[in-house]
Amino acid sequence: LFDIEVSPSSDIKADLRDVVICGAQDLEVKNRTALIIRFPFRVWKTVQKIQGRLIRELEKKFSKKHVIFVANRTILDKNFRRK
């Protein structure tokens, strides 16, 4: 993401400033590798806006890998009270 944000020709540079990654994982699927990238739920709307362009850029960077985006959510208990 940093390389895309720094490059002068990137058209998604402004949107990437708010995006952070929770984690990434390689997963073997048949004869190819899939790269699963996890984002916090609070930035998921921003990721969805730039998803198509971001996947294209990342698939160029990581050749022979599929890129999948997933949002991390925390499910709170019914007894949860805000402090």
N, C-alpha and C. Protein backbone atom coordinates (compact mmCIF):
# COMPACT_ATOMS: atom_id res chain seq x y z
N LEU A 1 0.82 -1.19 0.00
CA LEU A 1 0.00 0.00 0.00
C LEU A 1 0.86 1.25 0.00
N PHE A 2 1.96 1.19 0.71
CA PHE A 2 2.83 2.36 0.77
C PHE A 2 3.40 2.69 -0.60
N ASP A 3 3.79 1.67 -1.37
CA ASP A 3 4.33 1.91 -2.71
C ASP A 3 3.29 2.57 -3.62
N ILE A 4 2.04 2.14 -3.51
CA ILE A 4 0.98 2.73 -4.32
C ILE A 4 0.72 4.17 -3.89
N GLU A 5 0.76 4.42 -2.58
CA GLU A 5 0.50 5.76 -2.06
C GLU A 5 1.61 6.73 -2.45
N VAL A 6 2.84 6.26 -2.53
CA VAL A 6 3.98 7.11 -2.83
C VAL A 6 4.11 7.40 -4.32
N SER A 7 3.68 6.47 -5.17
CA SER A 7 3.87 6.65 -6.61
C SER A 7 3.10 7.88 -7.11
N PRO A 8 3.75 8.69 -7.95
CA PRO A 8 3.12 9.94 -8.40
C PRO A 8 1.95 9.74 -9.35
N SER A 9 1.88 8.61 -10.04
CA SER A 9 0.83 8.40 -11.03
C SER A 9 -0.42 7.72 -10.45
N SER A 10 -0.41 7.43 -9.16
CA SER A 10 -1.53 6.70 -8.56
C SER A 10 -2.75 7.61 -8.42
N ASP A 11 -3.91 7.12 -8.89
CA ASP A 11 -5.14 7.91 -8.79
C ASP A 11 -5.92 7.62 -7.51
N ILE A 12 -5.48 6.65 -6.71
CA ILE A 12 -6.17 6.33 -5.46
C ILE A 12 -5.36 6.76 -4.25
N LYS A 13 -4.40 7.64 -4.49
CA LYS A 13 -3.48 8.06 -3.43
C LYS A 13 -4.20 8.69 -2.24
N ALA A 14 -5.17 9.56 -2.50
CA ALA A 14 -5.86 10.26 -1.41
C ALA A 14 -6.71 9.30 -0.57
N ASP A 15 -7.34 8.33 -1.22
CA ASP A 15 -8.18 7.38 -0.49
C ASP A 15 -7.36 6.42 0.36
N LEU A 16 -6.15 6.12 -0.05
CA LEU A 16 -5.32 5.16 0.68
C LEU A 16 -4.78 5.72 1.99
N ARG A 17 -4.82 7.03 2.16
CA ARG A 17 -4.26 7.64 3.36
C ARG A 17 -4.96 7.14 4.62
N ASP A 18 -6.28 6.88 4.54
CA ASP A 18 -7.06 6.47 5.72
C ASP A 18 -7.08 4.96 5.93
N VAL A 19 -6.63 4.19 4.95
CA VAL A 19 -6.75 2.73 4.99
C VAL A 19 -5.58 2.11 5.76
N VAL A 20 -5.92 1.19 6.67
CA VAL A 20 -4.92 0.42 7.41
C VAL A 20 -5.24 -1.06 7.24
N ILE A 21 -4.25 -1.92 7.45
CA ILE A 21 -4.42 -3.36 7.29
C ILE A 21 -4.25 -4.04 8.64
N CYS A 22 -5.18 -4.94 8.96
CA CYS A 22 -5.06 -5.75 10.19
C CYS A 22 -4.07 -6.89 10.01
N GLY A 23 -4.12 -7.52 8.84
CA GLY A 23 -3.24 -8.65 8.61
C GLY A 23 -3.38 -9.16 7.19
N ALA A 24 -2.48 -10.06 6.82
CA ALA A 24 -2.51 -10.67 5.50
C ALA A 24 -2.12 -12.14 5.65
N GLN A 25 -2.65 -12.97 4.74
CA GLN A 25 -2.43 -14.40 4.85
C GLN A 25 -2.39 -15.00 3.45
N ASP A 26 -1.45 -15.91 3.22
CA ASP A 26 -1.40 -16.65 1.97
C ASP A 26 -2.18 -17.94 2.13
N LEU A 27 -2.99 -18.26 1.11
CA LEU A 27 -3.80 -19.46 1.15
C LEU A 27 -3.64 -20.19 -0.18
N GLU A 28 -3.35 -21.48 -0.11
CA GLU A 28 -3.14 -22.28 -1.32
C GLU A 28 -4.49 -22.77 -1.83
N VAL A 29 -4.82 -22.39 -3.08
CA VAL A 29 -6.09 -22.78 -3.69
C VAL A 29 -5.79 -23.45 -5.01
N LYS A 30 -6.06 -24.75 -5.09
CA LYS A 30 -5.76 -25.56 -6.27
C LYS A 30 -4.34 -25.32 -6.76
N ASN A 31 -4.17 -24.69 -7.93
CA ASN A 31 -2.81 -24.51 -8.45
C ASN A 31 -2.29 -23.08 -8.28
N ARG A 32 -3.05 -22.22 -7.62
CA ARG A 32 -2.61 -20.83 -7.41
C ARG A 32 -2.64 -20.48 -5.94
N THR A 33 -2.07 -19.35 -5.62
CA THR A 33 -2.05 -18.85 -4.25
C THR A 33 -2.98 -17.65 -4.15
N ALA A 34 -3.75 -17.60 -3.08
CA ALA A 34 -4.63 -16.45 -2.83
C ALA A 34 -4.06 -15.65 -1.67
N LEU A 35 -4.09 -14.35 -1.79
CA LEU A 35 -3.63 -13.45 -0.73
C LEU A 35 -4.85 -12.83 -0.09
N ILE A 36 -5.09 -13.15 1.18
CA ILE A 36 -6.24 -12.62 1.90
C ILE A 36 -5.76 -11.45 2.74
N ILE A 37 -6.34 -10.28 2.51
CA ILE A 37 -5.96 -9.07 3.23
C ILE A 37 -7.12 -8.66 4.12
N ARG A 38 -6.85 -8.48 5.41
CA ARG A 38 -7.88 -8.14 6.39
C ARG A 38 -7.80 -6.66 6.76
N PHE A 39 -8.95 -6.00 6.72
CA PHE A 39 -9.07 -4.59 7.08
C PHE A 39 -9.98 -4.46 8.29
N PRO A 40 -9.77 -3.45 9.14
CA PRO A 40 -10.72 -3.20 10.22
C PRO A 40 -12.06 -2.74 9.63
N PHE A 41 -13.13 -3.02 10.32
CA PHE A 41 -14.45 -2.70 9.79
C PHE A 41 -14.65 -1.19 9.64
N ARG A 42 -13.99 -0.40 10.46
CA ARG A 42 -14.17 1.06 10.40
C ARG A 42 -13.67 1.68 9.09
N VAL A 43 -12.77 1.01 8.36
CA VAL A 43 -12.30 1.53 7.08
C VAL A 43 -12.87 0.76 5.89
N TRP A 44 -13.81 -0.15 6.15
CA TRP A 44 -14.33 -1.01 5.09
C TRP A 44 -15.04 -0.23 3.99
N LYS A 45 -15.78 0.82 4.34
CA LYS A 45 -16.48 1.63 3.33
C LYS A 45 -15.48 2.27 2.37
N THR A 46 -14.37 2.76 2.88
CA THR A 46 -13.34 3.36 2.04
C THR A 46 -12.71 2.31 1.13
N VAL A 47 -12.47 1.12 1.67
CA VAL A 47 -11.87 0.04 0.88
C VAL A 47 -12.81 -0.36 -0.26
N GLN A 48 -14.11 -0.42 0.02
CA GLN A 48 -15.07 -0.82 -1.01
C GLN A 48 -15.10 0.19 -2.16
N LYS A 49 -14.90 1.47 -1.86
CA LYS A 49 -14.91 2.49 -2.91
C LYS A 49 -13.76 2.30 -3.90
N ILE A 50 -12.59 1.90 -3.39
CA ILE A 50 -11.40 1.78 -4.24
C ILE A 50 -11.01 0.33 -4.51
N GLN A 51 -11.92 -0.60 -4.21
CA GLN A 51 -11.60 -2.02 -4.26
C GLN A 51 -11.11 -2.49 -5.63
N GLY A 52 -11.80 -2.12 -6.68
CA GLY A 52 -11.42 -2.59 -8.02
C GLY A 52 -10.03 -2.14 -8.43
N ARG A 53 -9.75 -0.86 -8.24
CA ARG A 53 -8.43 -0.33 -8.62
C ARG A 53 -7.34 -0.89 -7.72
N LEU A 54 -7.65 -1.05 -6.42
CA LEU A 54 -6.64 -1.55 -5.48
C LEU A 54 -6.30 -3.01 -5.77
N ILE A 55 -7.29 -3.82 -6.10
CA ILE A 55 -7.03 -5.23 -6.44
C ILE A 55 -6.16 -5.32 -7.68
N ARG A 56 -6.45 -4.49 -8.69
CA ARG A 56 -5.64 -4.51 -9.92
C ARG A 56 -4.18 -4.17 -9.62
N GLU A 57 -3.96 -3.15 -8.80
CA GLU A 57 -2.59 -2.75 -8.44
C GLU A 57 -1.88 -3.86 -7.67
N LEU A 58 -2.56 -4.48 -6.72
CA LEU A 58 -1.93 -5.52 -5.90
C LEU A 58 -1.68 -6.79 -6.70
N GLU A 59 -2.56 -7.12 -7.64
CA GLU A 59 -2.32 -8.31 -8.47
C GLU A 59 -1.16 -8.08 -9.42
N LYS A 60 -0.93 -6.84 -9.83
CA LYS A 60 0.27 -6.54 -10.63
C LYS A 60 1.51 -6.74 -9.79
N LYS A 61 1.46 -6.26 -8.54
CA LYS A 61 2.62 -6.33 -7.66
C LYS A 61 2.92 -7.78 -7.26
N PHE A 62 1.90 -8.54 -6.88
CA PHE A 62 2.07 -9.95 -6.49
C PHE A 62 1.57 -10.80 -7.64
N SER A 63 2.42 -11.06 -8.61
CA SER A 63 2.00 -11.83 -9.78
C SER A 63 1.68 -13.27 -9.39
N LYS A 64 0.78 -13.89 -10.12
CA LYS A 64 0.34 -15.27 -9.91
C LYS A 64 -0.40 -15.45 -8.58
N LYS A 65 -0.99 -14.38 -8.04
CA LYS A 65 -1.76 -14.48 -6.79
C LYS A 65 -3.09 -13.78 -6.97
N HIS A 66 -4.14 -14.40 -6.44
CA HIS A 66 -5.44 -13.76 -6.36
C HIS A 66 -5.45 -12.91 -5.10
N VAL A 67 -6.14 -11.78 -5.12
CA VAL A 67 -6.21 -10.90 -3.95
C VAL A 67 -7.66 -10.85 -3.47
N ILE A 68 -7.86 -11.09 -2.18
CA ILE A 68 -9.19 -11.09 -1.57
C ILE A 68 -9.18 -10.15 -0.38
N PHE A 69 -10.21 -9.29 -0.28
CA PHE A 69 -10.34 -8.37 0.85
C PHE A 69 -11.41 -8.88 1.80
N VAL A 70 -11.11 -8.80 3.11
CA VAL A 70 -12.05 -9.23 4.15
C VAL A 70 -12.06 -8.18 5.24
N ALA A 71 -13.25 -7.91 5.80
CA ALA A 71 -13.36 -6.97 6.92
C ALA A 71 -13.36 -7.73 8.23
N ASN A 72 -12.60 -7.26 9.20
CA ASN A 72 -12.59 -7.85 10.54
C ASN A 72 -13.63 -7.14 11.39
N ARG A 73 -14.51 -7.92 11.97
CA ARG A 73 -15.53 -7.34 12.84
C ARG A 73 -15.44 -7.99 14.21
N THR A 74 -15.81 -7.26 15.24
CA THR A 74 -15.85 -7.78 16.59
C THR A 74 -17.31 -7.84 17.02
N ILE A 75 -17.79 -9.01 17.36
CA ILE A 75 -19.17 -9.16 17.81
C ILE A 75 -19.16 -9.02 19.33
N LEU A 76 -19.94 -8.06 19.82
CA LEU A 76 -19.96 -7.77 21.24
C LEU A 76 -21.08 -8.54 21.93
N ASP A 77 -20.88 -8.83 23.19
CA ASP A 77 -21.85 -9.54 24.00
C ASP A 77 -23.07 -8.65 24.25
N LYS A 78 -24.22 -9.26 24.56
CA LYS A 78 -25.42 -8.48 24.86
C LYS A 78 -25.25 -7.65 26.12
N ASN A 79 -24.38 -8.10 27.01
CA ASN A 79 -24.16 -7.40 28.28
C ASN A 79 -23.17 -6.24 28.13
N PHE A 80 -22.66 -6.03 26.94
CA PHE A 80 -21.65 -4.99 26.75
C PHE A 80 -22.25 -3.62 26.99
N ARG A 81 -21.59 -2.84 27.85
CA ARG A 81 -22.00 -1.45 28.09
C ARG A 81 -20.85 -0.53 27.77
N ARG A 82 -21.16 0.56 27.11
CA ARG A 82 -20.12 1.54 26.82
C ARG A 82 -19.75 2.28 28.08
N LYS A 83 -18.45 2.57 28.22
CA LYS A 83 -17.99 3.22 29.45
C LYS A 83 -17.89 4.70 29.27
